[in-house]
PDB file of N, CA and C in Angstrom:
ATOM      1  N   MET A   1     126.365  88.138   1.046  1.00  0.00           N
ATOM      2  CA  MET A   1     125.532  89.639   0.316  1.00  0.00           C
ATOM      3  C   MET A   1     124.135  89.210   0.642  1.00  0.00           C
ATOM      4  N   GLN A   2     123.484  88.399   0.494  1.00  0.00           N
ATOM      5  CA  GLN A   2     121.922  88.141   0.630  1.00  0.00           C
ATOM      6  C   GLN A   2     121.521  88.214   2.034  1.00  0.00           C
ATOM      7  N   VAL A   3     122.430  87.814   2.685  1.00  0.00           N
ATOM      8  CA  VAL A   3     122.405  87.878   4.196  1.00  0.00           C
ATOM      9  C   VAL A   3     122.711  89.205   4.862  1.00  0.00           C
ATOM     10  N   ILE A   4     123.186  90.025   4.224  1.00  0.00           N
ATOM     11  CA  ILE A   4     124.071  91.364   4.775  1.00  0.00           C
ATOM     12  C   ILE A   4     122.633  92.191   4.314  1.00  0.00           C
ATOM     13  N   ARG A   5     121.727  91.705   3.260  1.00  0.00           N
ATOM     14  CA  ARG A   5     120.680  92.631   2.546  1.00  0.00           C
ATOM     15  C   ARG A   5     119.362  92.354   3.669  1.00  0.00           C
ATOM     16  N   VAL A   6     119.420  91.107   3.766  1.00  0.00           N
ATOM     17  CA  VAL A   6     118.227  90.675   4.809  1.00  0.00           C
ATOM     18  C   VAL A   6     118.555  91.379   6.026  1.00  0.00           C
ATOM     19  N   THR A   7     119.394  91.233   6.635  1.00  0.00           N
ATOM     20  CA  THR A   7     119.516  91.931   8.135  1.00  0.00           C
ATOM     21  C   THR A   7     119.117  93.301   7.926  1.00  0.00           C
ATOM     22  N   VAL A   8     119.619  93.806   7.097  1.00  0.00           N
ATOM     23  CA  VAL A   8     119.765  95.402   6.921  1.00  0.00           C
ATOM     24  C   VAL A   8     118.006  95.673   6.890  1.00  0.00           C
ATOM     25  N   ILE A   9     117.554  95.128   5.744  1.00  0.00           N
ATOM     26  CA  ILE A   9     116.038  95.311   5.750  1.00  0.00           C
ATOM     27  C   ILE A   9     115.329  95.024   6.998  1.00  0.00           C
ATOM     28  N   LEU A  10     115.568  94.064   8.153  1.00  0.00           N
ATOM     29  CA  LEU A  10     114.871  93.656   8.992  1.00  0.00           C
ATOM     30  C   LEU A  10     115.355  94.800  10.275  1.00  0.00           C
ATOM     31  N   THR A  11     116.291  95.411   9.940  1.00  0.00           N
ATOM     32  CA  THR A  11     117.040  95.999  11.163  1.00  0.00           C
ATOM     33  C   THR A  11     116.190  97.566  10.609  1.00  0.00           C
ATOM     34  N   VAL A  12     115.954  97.922   9.548  1.00  0.00           N
ATOM     35  CA  VAL A  12     115.109  99.053   9.108  1.00  0.00           C
ATOM     36  C   VAL A  12     113.987  98.732   9.764  1.00  0.00           C
ATOM     37  N   ALA A  13     113.258  97.931   9.269  1.00  0.00           N
ATOM     38  CA  ALA A  13     111.851  97.490   9.555  1.00  0.00           C
ATOM     39  C   ALA A  13     111.770  97.449  11.337  1.00  0.00           C
ATOM     40  N   PHE A  14     112.510  96.774  11.808  1.00  0.00           N
ATOM     41  CA  PHE A  14     112.489  96.975  13.396  1.00  0.00           C
ATOM     42  C   PHE A  14     112.474  98.535  13.893  1.00  0.00           C
ATOM     43  N   ILE A  15     113.526  99.324  13.554  1.00  0.00           N
ATOM     44  CA  ILE A  15     113.443 100.666  13.802  1.00  0.00           C
ATOM     45  C   ILE A  15     112.027 101.285  13.547  1.00  0.00           C
ATOM     46  N   ILE A  16     111.655 101.107  12.232  1.00  0.00           N
ATOM     47  CA  ILE A  16     110.478 101.686  11.979  1.00  0.00           C
ATOM     48  C   ILE A  16     109.238 101.431  12.910  1.00  0.00           C
ATOM     49  N   ALA A  17     109.324 100.100  13.274  1.00  0.00           N
ATOM     50  CA  ALA A  17     107.974  99.650  13.909  1.00  0.00           C
ATOM     51  C   ALA A  17     108.519 100.264  15.616  1.00  0.00           C
ATOM     52  N   ALA A  18     109.537 100.085  16.094  1.00  0.00           N
ATOM     53  CA  ALA A  18     109.478 100.783  17.356  1.00  0.00           C
ATOM     54  C   ALA A  18     109.370 102.160  17.145  1.00  0.00           C
ATOM     55  N   VAL A  19     109.509 102.957  16.244  1.00  0.00           N
ATOM     56  CA  VAL A  19     109.214 104.462  16.405  1.00  0.00           C
ATOM     57  C   VAL A  19     107.701 104.492  16.361  1.00  0.00           C
ATOM     58  N   LEU A  20     107.101 103.563  15.622  1.00  0.00           N
ATOM     59  CA  LEU A  20     105.630 104.106  15.565  1.00  0.00           C
ATOM     60  C   LEU A  20     104.948 103.396  16.818  1.00  0.00           C
ATOM     61  N   LEU A  21     105.723 102.245  17.168  1.00  0.00           N
ATOM     62  CA  LEU A  21     104.670 101.842  18.315  1.00  0.00           C
ATOM     63  C   LEU A  21     104.982 102.895  19.914  1.00  0.00           C
ATOM     64  N   VAL A  22     106.181 103.492  19.953  1.00  0.00           N
ATOM     65  CA  VAL A  22     106.412 104.327  20.964  1.00  0.00           C
ATOM     66  C   VAL A  22     105.306 105.178  21.116  1.00  0.00           C
ATOM     67  N   PRO A  23     104.924 105.043  22.220  1.00  0.00           N
ATOM     68  CA  PRO A  23     103.638 106.309  22.664  1.00  0.00           C
ATOM     69  C   PRO A  23     104.292 107.721  22.548  1.00  0.00           C
ATOM     70  N   SER A  24     103.457 108.681  21.982  1.00  0.00           N
ATOM     71  CA  SER A  24     103.716 110.043  22.276  1.00  0.00           C
ATOM     72  C   SER A  24     103.506 110.431  23.538  1.00  0.00           C
ATOM     73  N   THR A  25     104.181 111.795  24.133  1.00  0.00           N
ATOM     74  CA  THR A  25     103.903 112.097  25.428  1.00  0.00           C
ATOM     75  C   THR A  25     102.506 112.593  25.281  1.00  0.00           C
ATOM     76  N   PRO A  26     101.826 112.666  26.960  1.00  0.00           N
ATOM     77  CA  PRO A  26     100.543 113.090  26.965  1.00  0.00           C
ATOM     78  C   PRO A  26     100.587 114.455  26.632  1.00  0.00           C
ATOM     79  N   ALA A  27     101.411 115.476  26.975  1.00  0.00           N
ATOM     80  CA  ALA A  27     101.056 116.943  26.586  1.00  0.00           C
ATOM     81  C   ALA A  27     101.143 117.066  24.865  1.00  0.00           C
ATOM     82  N   ALA A  28     101.580 116.204  24.161  1.00  0.00           N
ATOM     83  CA  ALA A  28     101.765 116.392  22.588  1.00  0.00           C
ATOM     84  C   ALA A  28     100.486 116.012  22.185  1.00  0.00           C
ATOM     85  N   ASN A  29      99.404 114.874  23.033  1.00  0.00           N
ATOM     86  CA  ASN A  29      98.659 114.328  22.365  1.00  0.00           C
ATOM     87  C   ASN A  29      97.567 115.450  22.804  1.00  0.00           C
ATOM     88  N   ARG A  30      97.833 116.410  23.804  1.00  0.00           N
ATOM     89  CA  ARG A  30      96.422 117.260  24.237  1.00  0.00           C
ATOM     90  C   ARG A  30      96.407 118.592  23.205  1.00  0.00           C
ATOM     91  N   ASP A  31      95.383 118.766  22.739  1.00  0.00           N
ATOM     92  CA  ASP A  31      95.468 120.006  22.027  1.00  0.00           C
ATOM     93  C   ASP A  31      95.144 121.385  23.175  1.00  0.00           C
ATOM     94  N   LYS A  32      95.381 122.372  22.925  1.00  0.00           N
ATOM     95  CA  LYS A  32      95.645 123.222  23.843  1.00  0.00           C
ATOM     96  C   LYS A  32      94.248 123.783  24.169  1.00  0.00           C
ATOM     97  N   GLY A  33      93.011 123.290  23.968  1.00  0.00           N
ATOM     98  CA  GLY A  33      91.566 123.696  24.573  1.00  0.00           C
ATOM     99  C   GLY A  33      91.455 122.282  25.439  1.00  0.00           C
ATOM    100  N   SER A  34      91.813 121.419  25.530  1.00  0.00           N
ATOM    101  CA  SER A  34      91.539 120.401  26.258  1.00  0.00           C
ATOM    102  C   SER A  34      91.850 120.147  27.446  1.00  0.00           C
ATOM    103  N   VAL A  35      91.110 119.546  28.715  1.00  0.00           N
ATOM    104  CA  VAL A  35      91.470 119.616  29.964  1.00  0.00           C
ATOM    105  C   VAL A  35      92.633 118.422  30.042  1.00  0.00           C
ATOM    106  N   ASN A  36      93.333 119.125  30.970  1.00  0.00           N
ATOM    107  CA  ASN A  36      94.443 118.349  31.303  1.00  0.00           C
ATOM    108  C   ASN A  36      94.309 117.118  32.402  1.00  0.00           C
ATOM    109  N   GLN A  37      93.644 115.999  32.166  1.00  0.00           N
ATOM    110  CA  GLN A  37      93.291 115.038  32.707  1.00  0.00           C
ATOM    111  C   GLN A  37      94.329 114.606  33.931  1.00  0.00           C
ATOM    112  N   THR A  38      95.481 114.569  33.479  1.00  0.00           N
ATOM    113  CA  THR A  38      96.502 113.836  34.733  1.00  0.00           C
ATOM    114  C   THR A  38      96.935 115.086  35.548  1.00  0.00           C
ATOM    115  N   GLY A  39      96.939 116.527  35.231  1.00  0.00           N
ATOM    116  CA  GLY A  39      97.143 117.615  36.065  1.00  0.00           C
ATOM    117  C   GLY A  39      95.676 117.539  37.018  1.00  0.00           C
ATOM    118  N   GLN A  40      94.801 117.648  36.409  1.00  0.00           N
ATOM    119  CA  GLN A  40      93.544 117.486  37.094  1.00  0.00           C
ATOM    120  C   GLN A  40      93.164 116.750  38.062  1.00  0.00           C
ATOM    121  N   ALA A  41      93.828 115.242  37.936  1.00  0.00           N
ATOM    122  CA  ALA A  41      93.636 114.508  38.561  1.00  0.00           C
ATOM    123  C   ALA A  41      94.411 114.393  39.998  1.00  0.00           C
ATOM    124  N   ALA A  42      95.671 114.698  39.497  1.00  0.00           N
ATOM    125  CA  ALA A  42      96.922 114.826  40.878  1.00  0.00           C
ATOM    126  C   ALA A  42      96.711 116.055  41.591  1.00  0.00           C
ATOM    127  N   PHE A  43      96.096 117.224  40.739  1.00  0.00           N
ATOM    128  CA  PHE A  43      95.677 118.234  41.810  1.00  0.00           C
ATOM    129  C   PHE A  43      94.511 117.889  42.617  1.00  0.00           C
ATOM    130  N   LYS A  44      93.218 117.404  42.097  1.00  0.00           N
ATOM    131  CA  LYS A  44      92.205 117.014  42.960  1.00  0.00           C
ATOM    132  C   LYS A  44      92.536 115.888  44.257  1.00  0.00           C
ATOM    133  N   GLY A  45      93.798 115.202  43.967  1.00  0.00           N
ATOM    134  CA  GLY A  45      94.093 114.390  44.944  1.00  0.00           C
ATOM    135  C   GLY A  45      94.988 114.524  46.061  1.00  0.00           C
ATOM    136  N   ASN A  46      95.595 115.890  45.562  1.00  0.00           N
ATOM    137  CA  ASN A  46      96.914 116.383  46.280  1.00  0.00           C
ATOM    138  C   ASN A  46      96.855 117.526  46.839  1.00  0.00           C
ATOM    139  N   CYS A  47      95.796 118.510  46.005  1.00  0.00           N
ATOM    140  CA  CYS A  47      96.024 119.862  46.064  1.00  0.00           C
ATOM    141  C   CYS A  47      94.779 120.708  46.592  1.00  0.00           C
ATOM    142  N   VAL A  48      93.524 120.021  46.610  1.00  0.00           N
ATOM    143  CA  VAL A  48      92.382 120.688  46.850  1.00  0.00           C
ATOM    144  C   VAL A  48      91.931 120.740  47.997  1.00  0.00           C
ATOM    145  N   GLY A  49      92.693 119.889  49.247  1.00  0.00           N
ATOM    146  CA  GLY A  49      92.445 120.388  50.584  1.00  0.00           C
ATOM    147  C   GLY A  49      92.832 121.759  51.043  1.00  0.00           C
ATOM    148  N   CYS A  50      93.884 122.157  50.420  1.00  0.00           N
ATOM    149  CA  CYS A  50      94.308 123.349  50.890  1.00  0.00           C
ATOM    150  C   CYS A  50      94.101 124.665  49.510  1.00  0.00           C
ATOM    151  N   HIS A  51      94.057 124.201  48.544  1.00  0.00           N
ATOM    152  CA  HIS A  51      94.058 125.246  47.311  1.00  0.00           C
ATOM    153  C   HIS A  51      92.365 125.117  46.723  1.00  0.00           C
ATOM    154  N   GLY A  52      91.595 124.372  47.360  1.00  0.00           N
ATOM    155  CA  GLY A  52      90.204 124.172  46.802  1.00  0.00           C
ATOM    156  C   GLY A  52      90.314 123.832  45.087  1.00  0.00           C
ATOM    157  N   SER A  53      88.964 123.585  44.972  1.00  0.00           N
ATOM    158  CA  SER A  53      88.966 122.678  43.546  1.00  0.00           C
ATOM    159  C   SER A  53      89.422 123.715  42.499  1.00  0.00           C
ATOM    160  N   ASP A  54      88.685 125.103  42.536  1.00  0.00           N
ATOM    161  CA  ASP A  54      89.070 126.207  41.527  1.00  0.00           C
ATOM    162  C   ASP A  54      90.573 127.063  42.169  1.00  0.00           C
ATOM    163  N   GLY A  55      91.371 126.492  42.960  1.00  0.00           N
ATOM    164  CA  GLY A  55      92.457 127.344  43.164  1.00  0.00           C
ATOM    165  C   GLY A  55      92.757 128.485  43.981  1.00  0.00           C
ATOM    166  N   ALA A  56      91.337 128.881  44.216  1.00  0.00           N
ATOM    167  CA  ALA A  56      91.096 129.923  45.032  1.00  0.00           C
ATOM    168  C   ALA A  56      91.360 129.867  46.495  1.00  0.00           C
ATOM    169  N   GLY A  57      91.530 128.492  47.116  1.00  0.00           N
ATOM    170  CA  GLY A  57      91.992 128.207  48.367  1.00  0.00           C
ATOM    171  C   GLY A  57      90.728 127.968  49.400  1.00  0.00           C
ATOM    172  N   THR A  58      91.119 126.935  49.996  1.00  0.00           N
ATOM    173  CA  THR A  58      90.098 126.543  51.458  1.00  0.00           C
ATOM    174  C   THR A  58      90.120 127.663  52.381  1.00  0.00           C
ATOM    175  N   SER A  59      89.506 127.423  53.405  1.00  0.00           N
ATOM    176  CA  SER A  59      89.733 128.152  54.587  1.00  0.00           C
ATOM    177  C   SER A  59      91.021 127.777  55.387  1.00  0.00           C
ATOM    178  N   LEU A  60      91.147 126.437  55.374  1.00  0.00           N
ATOM    179  CA  LEU A  60      92.528 125.470  55.788  1.00  0.00           C
ATOM    180  C   LEU A  60      93.556 126.247  55.599  1.00  0.00           C
ATOM    181  N   GLY A  61      93.737 126.094  53.792  1.00  0.00           N
ATOM    182  CA  GLY A  61      94.603 126.725  53.394  1.00  0.00           C
ATOM    183  C   GLY A  61      94.852 128.492  53.122  1.00  0.00           C
ATOM    184  N   LYS A  62      93.924 129.158  53.550  1.00  0.00           N
ATOM    185  CA  LYS A  62      94.105 130.317  53.919  1.00  0.00           C
ATOM    186  C   LYS A  62      94.718 130.544  54.964  1.00  0.00           C
ATOM    187  N   SER A  63      94.223 129.834  55.958  1.00  0.00           N
ATOM    188  CA  SER A  63      94.875 130.212  57.320  1.00  0.00           C
ATOM    189  C   SER A  63      96.221 129.786  57.298  1.00  0.00           C
ATOM    190  N   MET A  64      96.729 128.978  56.281  1.00  0.00           N
ATOM    191  CA  MET A  64      98.121 128.578  56.561  1.00  0.00           C
ATOM    192  C   MET A  64      98.890 129.677  55.181  1.00  0.00           C
ATOM    193  N   GLN A  65      98.208 130.494  54.499  1.00  0.00           N
ATOM    194  CA  GLN A  65      98.706 131.482  53.573  1.00  0.00           C
ATOM    195  C   GLN A  65      98.961 130.856  52.436  1.00  0.00           C
ATOM    196  N   ALA A  66      98.064 129.726  51.911  1.00  0.00           N
ATOM    197  CA  ALA A  66      98.186 129.224  50.458  1.00  0.00           C
ATOM    198  C   ALA A  66      97.721 130.127  49.563  1.00  0.00           C
ATOM    199  N   PRO A  67      98.211 130.667  48.686  1.00  0.00           N
ATOM    200  CA  PRO A  67      97.978 131.426  47.858  1.00  0.00           C
ATOM    201  C   PRO A  67      96.929 131.317  46.914  1.00  0.00           C
ATOM    202  N   ASP A  68      96.168 132.196  46.314  1.00  0.00           N
ATOM    203  CA  ASP A  68      94.964 131.948  45.250  1.00  0.00           C
ATOM    204  C   ASP A  68      95.798 131.434  44.140  1.00  0.00           C
ATOM    205  N   LEU A  69      95.721 130.193  43.425  1.00  0.00           N
ATOM    206  CA  LEU A  69      96.594 129.852  42.316  1.00  0.00           C
ATOM    207  C   LEU A  69      95.894 130.712  40.862  1.00  0.00           C
ATOM    208  N   ARG A  70      95.012 131.237  40.935  1.00  0.00           N
ATOM    209  CA  ARG A  70      94.570 132.192  39.925  1.00  0.00           C
ATOM    210  C   ARG A  70      95.119 133.333  40.162  1.00  0.00           C
ATOM    211  N   SER A  71      95.795 133.721  40.974  1.00  0.00           N
ATOM    212  CA  SER A  71      96.247 135.072  41.054  1.00  0.00           C
ATOM    213  C   SER A  71      97.546 135.481  40.268  1.00  0.00           C
ATOM    214  N   GLN A  72      97.430 136.675  39.747  1.00  0.00           N
ATOM    215  CA  GLN A  72      98.561 137.209  39.157  1.00  0.00           C
ATOM    216  C   GLN A  72     100.106 136.951  39.528  1.00  0.00           C
ATOM    217  N   GLU A  73     100.280 136.753  40.958  1.00  0.00           N
ATOM    218  CA  GLU A  73     101.354 136.692  41.638  1.00  0.00           C
ATOM    219  C   GLU A  73     101.872 135.074  41.307  1.00  0.00           C
ATOM    220  N   VAL A  74     100.725 134.120  41.326  1.00  0.00           N
ATOM    221  CA  VAL A  74     101.225 132.943  41.022  1.00  0.00           C
ATOM    222  C   VAL A  74     101.488 132.959  39.800  1.00  0.00           C
ATOM    223  N   GLN A  75     100.434 133.352  38.567  1.00  0.00           N
ATOM    224  CA  GLN A  75     100.622 133.006  37.339  1.00  0.00           C
ATOM    225  C   GLN A  75     101.933 133.588  36.666  1.00  0.00           C
ATOM    226  N   LYS A  76     102.552 134.571  37.386  1.00  0.00           N
ATOM    227  CA  LYS A  76     103.475 135.261  36.366  1.00  0.00           C
ATOM    228  C   LYS A  76     105.007 134.427  36.921  1.00  0.00           C
ATOM    229  N   LYS A  77     104.903 133.399  37.873  1.00  0.00           N
ATOM    230  CA  LYS A  77     105.935 132.583  38.039  1.00  0.00           C
ATOM    231  C   LYS A  77     106.458 131.867  36.673  1.00  0.00           C
ATOM    232  N   SER A  78     107.596 131.429  36.599  1.00  0.00           N
ATOM    233  CA  SER A  78     107.940 130.726  35.562  1.00  0.00           C
ATOM    234  C   SER A  78     107.363 128.963  35.703  1.00  0.00           C
ATOM    235  N   ASP A  79     107.241 128.165  34.793  1.00  0.00           N
ATOM    236  CA  ASP A  79     107.092 126.893  34.976  1.00  0.00           C
ATOM    237  C   ASP A  79     108.057 126.331  35.857  1.00  0.00           C
ATOM    238  N   ALA A  80     109.101 126.653  35.646  1.00  0.00           N
ATOM    239  CA  ALA A  80     110.065 126.132  36.648  1.00  0.00           C
ATOM    240  C   ALA A  80     109.926 126.221  38.005  1.00  0.00           C
ATOM    241  N   GLU A  81     109.864 127.787  38.209  1.00  0.00           N
ATOM    242  CA  GLU A  81     109.641 127.761  39.786  1.00  0.00           C
ATOM    243  C   GLU A  81     108.286 127.211  40.597  1.00  0.00           C
ATOM    244  N   LEU A  82     107.322 127.039  39.337  1.00  0.00           N
ATOM    245  CA  LEU A  82     106.276 126.299  40.115  1.00  0.00           C
ATOM    246  C   LEU A  82     106.504 124.788  40.255  1.00  0.00           C
ATOM    247  N   VAL A  83     107.265 124.223  39.193  1.00  0.00           N
ATOM    248  CA  VAL A  83     107.650 122.905  39.323  1.00  0.00           C
ATOM    249  C   VAL A  83     108.408 122.765  40.526  1.00  0.00           C
ATOM    250  N   GLN A  84     109.240 123.558  40.845  1.00  0.00           N
ATOM    251  CA  GLN A  84     110.232 123.542  42.230  1.00  0.00           C
ATOM    252  C   GLN A  84     109.315 123.400  43.316  1.00  0.00           C
ATOM    253  N   THR A  85     108.216 124.419  43.390  1.00  0.00           N
ATOM    254  CA  THR A  85     107.536 124.447  44.344  1.00  0.00           C
ATOM    255  C   THR A  85     106.586 123.298  44.842  1.00  0.00           C
ATOM    256  N   VAL A  86     106.056 122.781  43.910  1.00  0.00           N
ATOM    257  CA  VAL A  86     105.455 121.465  43.799  1.00  0.00           C
ATOM    258  C   VAL A  86     106.184 120.441  44.655  1.00  0.00           C
ATOM    259  N   ALA A  87     107.414 120.092  44.027  1.00  0.00           N
ATOM    260  CA  ALA A  87     108.319 119.088  44.223  1.00  0.00           C
ATOM    261  C   ALA A  87     109.068 119.188  45.573  1.00  0.00           C
ATOM    262  N   GLU A  88     109.568 120.599  46.141  1.00  0.00           N
ATOM    263  CA  GLU A  88     110.256 120.662  46.891  1.00  0.00           C
ATOM    264  C   GLU A  88     109.369 121.186  48.607  1.00  0.00           C
ATOM    265  N   GLY A  89     108.297 121.878  47.774  1.00  0.00           N
ATOM    266  CA  GLY A  89     107.598 122.586  49.053  1.00  0.00           C
ATOM    267  C   GLY A  89     107.785 124.092  49.366  1.00  0.00           C
ATOM    268  N   LYS A  90     107.405 124.814  50.010  1.00  0.00           N
ATOM    269  CA  LYS A  90     107.429 125.982  49.922  1.00  0.00           C
ATOM    270  C   LYS A  90     106.719 126.667  51.301  1.00  0.00           C
ATOM    271  N   GLN A  91     107.401 127.151  52.202  1.00  0.00           N
ATOM    272  CA  GLN A  91     106.897 127.604  53.573  1.00  0.00           C
ATOM    273  C   GLN A  91     105.920 126.580  54.400  1.00  0.00           C
ATOM    274  N   ASN A  92     104.842 126.863  53.969  1.00  0.00           N
ATOM    275  CA  ASN A  92     103.801 125.932  54.880  1.00  0.00           C
ATOM    276  C   ASN A  92     103.288 124.429  53.935  1.00  0.00           C
ATOM    277  N   MET A  93     103.678 124.561  52.610  1.00  0.00           N
ATOM    278  CA  MET A  93     103.208 123.636  51.529  1.00  0.00           C
ATOM    279  C   MET A  93     104.351 122.483  51.652  1.00  0.00           C
ATOM    280  N   PRO A  94     103.945 121.175  51.786  1.00  0.00           N
ATOM    281  CA  PRO A  94     104.704 120.311  51.793  1.00  0.00           C
ATOM    282  C   PRO A  94     105.325 119.783  50.492  1.00  0.00           C
ATOM    283  N   SER A  95     106.617 119.062  50.473  1.00  0.00           N
ATOM    284  CA  SER A  95     106.842 118.241  49.219  1.00  0.00           C
ATOM    285  C   SER A  95     106.014 117.387  48.655  1.00  0.00           C
ATOM    286  N   PHE A  96     106.018 117.498  47.396  1.00  0.00           N
ATOM    287  CA  PHE A  96     105.155 116.194  46.708  1.00  0.00           C
ATOM    288  C   PHE A  96     105.951 115.666  45.604  1.00  0.00           C
ATOM    289  N   LYS A  97     107.334 115.802  46.006  1.00  0.00           N
ATOM    290  CA  LYS A  97     108.361 114.776  44.974  1.00  0.00           C
ATOM    291  C   LYS A  97     108.176 113.160  45.387  1.00  0.00           C
ATOM    292  N   GLN A  98     107.949 112.906  46.630  1.00  0.00           N
ATOM    293  CA  GLN A  98     107.876 111.651  46.875  1.00  0.00           C
ATOM    294  C   GLN A  98     106.541 110.707  46.664  1.00  0.00           C
ATOM    295  N   ILE A  99     105.407 111.903  46.070  1.00  0.00           N
ATOM    296  CA  ILE A  99     103.991 111.360  45.784  1.00  0.00           C
ATOM    297  C   ILE A  99     103.970 111.483  44.652  1.00  0.00           C
ATOM    298  N   LEU A 100     104.261 112.511  43.648  1.00  0.00           N
ATOM    299  CA  LEU A 100     104.085 112.764  42.261  1.00  0.00           C
ATOM    300  C   LEU A 100     105.132 112.461  41.476  1.00  0.00           C
ATOM    301  N   ALA A 101     104.999 111.455  40.454  1.00  0.00           N
ATOM    302  CA  ALA A 101     106.090 111.717  39.453  1.00  0.00           C
ATOM    303  C   ALA A 101     106.377 112.590  38.778  1.00  0.00           C
ATOM    304  N   PRO A 102     107.736 113.334  38.224  1.00  0.00           N
ATOM    305  CA  PRO A 102     108.045 114.375  37.649  1.00  0.00           C
ATOM    306  C   PRO A 102     107.064 114.865  36.342  1.00  0.00           C
ATOM    307  N   ASP A 103     106.505 113.696  35.718  1.00  0.00           N
ATOM    308  CA  ASP A 103     105.350 114.128  34.727  1.00  0.00           C
ATOM    309  C   ASP A 103     103.935 114.416  35.303  1.00  0.00           C
ATOM    310  N   GLN A 104     103.594 114.199  36.495  1.00  0.00           N
ATOM    311  CA  GLN A 104     102.536 114.318  37.306  1.00  0.00           C
ATOM    312  C   GLN A 104     102.926 116.071  37.897  1.00  0.00           C
ATOM    313  N   VAL A 105     104.060 116.186  38.383  1.00  0.00           N
ATOM    314  CA  VAL A 105     104.117 117.476  38.621  1.00  0.00           C
ATOM    315  C   VAL A 105     104.351 118.590  37.638  1.00  0.00           C
ATOM    316  N   GLN A 106     104.698 118.182  36.656  1.00  0.00           N
ATOM    317  CA  GLN A 106     104.421 118.894  35.170  1.00  0.00           C
ATOM    318  C   GLN A 106     103.045 119.402  35.148  1.00  0.00           C
ATOM    319  N   ALA A 107     102.129 118.421  35.134  1.00  0.00           N
ATOM    320  CA  ALA A 107     100.766 118.168  34.685  1.00  0.00           C
ATOM    321  C   ALA A 107     100.120 119.053  35.589  1.00  0.00           C
ATOM    322  N   VAL A 108     100.525 118.812  36.867  1.00  0.00           N
ATOM    323  CA  VAL A 108      99.778 120.039  37.896  1.00  0.00           C
ATOM    324  C   VAL A 108     100.335 121.355  37.749  1.00  0.00           C
ATOM    325  N   VAL A 109     101.664 121.754  37.212  1.00  0.00           N
ATOM    326  CA  VAL A 109     101.668 123.096  36.858  1.00  0.00           C
ATOM    327  C   VAL A 109     100.915 123.653  35.320  1.00  0.00           C
ATOM    328  N   GLU A 110     100.588 122.468  34.715  1.00  0.00           N
ATOM    329  CA  GLU A 110      99.964 123.044  33.257  1.00  0.00           C
ATOM    330  C   GLU A 110      98.424 123.175  34.317  1.00  0.00           C
ATOM    331  N   TYR A 111      97.835 122.249  34.705  1.00  0.00           N
ATOM    332  CA  TYR A 111      96.475 122.339  35.599  1.00  0.00           C
ATOM    333  C   TYR A 111      96.752 123.951  36.095  1.00  0.00           C
ATOM    334  N   VAL A 112      97.545 124.524  36.793  1.00  0.00           N
ATOM    335  CA  VAL A 112      97.519 125.400  37.638  1.00  0.00           C
ATOM    336  C   VAL A 112      97.297 126.723  36.548  1.00  0.00           C
ATOM    337  N   ARG A 113      98.231 126.457  35.266  1.00  0.00           N
ATOM    338  CA  ARG A 113      97.994 127.379  34.756  1.00  0.00           C
ATOM    339  C   ARG A 113      96.443 127.609  33.635  1.00  0.00           C
ATOM    340  N   GLU A 114      95.712 126.335  33.645  1.00  0.00           N
ATOM    341  CA  GLU A 114      94.440 126.632  33.220  1.00  0.00           C
ATOM    342  C   GLU A 114      93.333 127.026  34.132  1.00  0.00           C
ATOM    343  N   LEU A 115      93.652 126.847  35.482  1.00  0.00           N
ATOM    344  CA  LEU A 115      92.858 127.551  36.655  1.00  0.00           C
ATOM    345  C   LEU A 115      93.042 129.145  36.538  1.00  0.00           C
ATOM    346  N   GLY A 116      94.411 129.807  36.262  1.00  0.00           N
ATOM    347  CA  GLY A 116      94.565 131.124  36.186  1.00  0.00           C
ATOM    348  C   GLY A 116      93.655 131.731  35.009  1.00  0.00           C
ATOM    349  N   LYS A 117      93.420 130.980  34.027  1.00  0.00           N
ATOM    350  CA  LYS A 117      92.636 131.465  33.167  1.00  0.00           C
ATOM    351  C   LYS A 117      91.227 131.631  33.729  1.00  0.00           C
ATOM    352  N   THR A 118      90.534 131.343  34.690  1.00  0.00           N
ATOM    353  CA  THR A 118      89.396 131.168  35.260  1.00  0.00           C
ATOM    354  C   THR A 118      89.288 132.433  36.395  1.00  0.00           C
ATOM    355  N   ARG A 119      90.312 133.377  36.255  1.00  0.00           N
ATOM    356  CA  ARG A 119      90.402 134.431  37.457  1.00  0.00           C
ATOM    357  C   ARG A 119      89.001 135.051  37.545  1.00  0.00           C
ATOM    358  N   PRO A 120      88.743 135.528  38.818  1.00  0.00           N
ATOM    359  CA  PRO A 120      87.420 136.100  38.763  1.00  0.00           C
ATOM    360  C   PRO A 120      87.379 137.592  38.438  1.00  0.00           C
TER     361      PRO A 120
END
């Protein structure tokens, strides 16, 4: 009886400790007004060459018909559509699924949403 009680107490303590030690997701830790650091870093490392740092597009990007990421055309797309585009590529845009982890792709989409708030 004593062994069962100790085992139950230790099991419950282990479960509580595990729950408390598991980090929450980055998205859950960000308040709505904070900068999406993961998305911004992934964007700067992979997207700026064509889309520019503000999402408006570089001369290279414009020559390849890269859209202005701040535009209504892009911003009206669902997150799932944007994730698909980043992961799989589209027209002249290459696929990034071998370069970016799924959480990074999602963070890039969140960052593109932030860029959309700065439309001229």
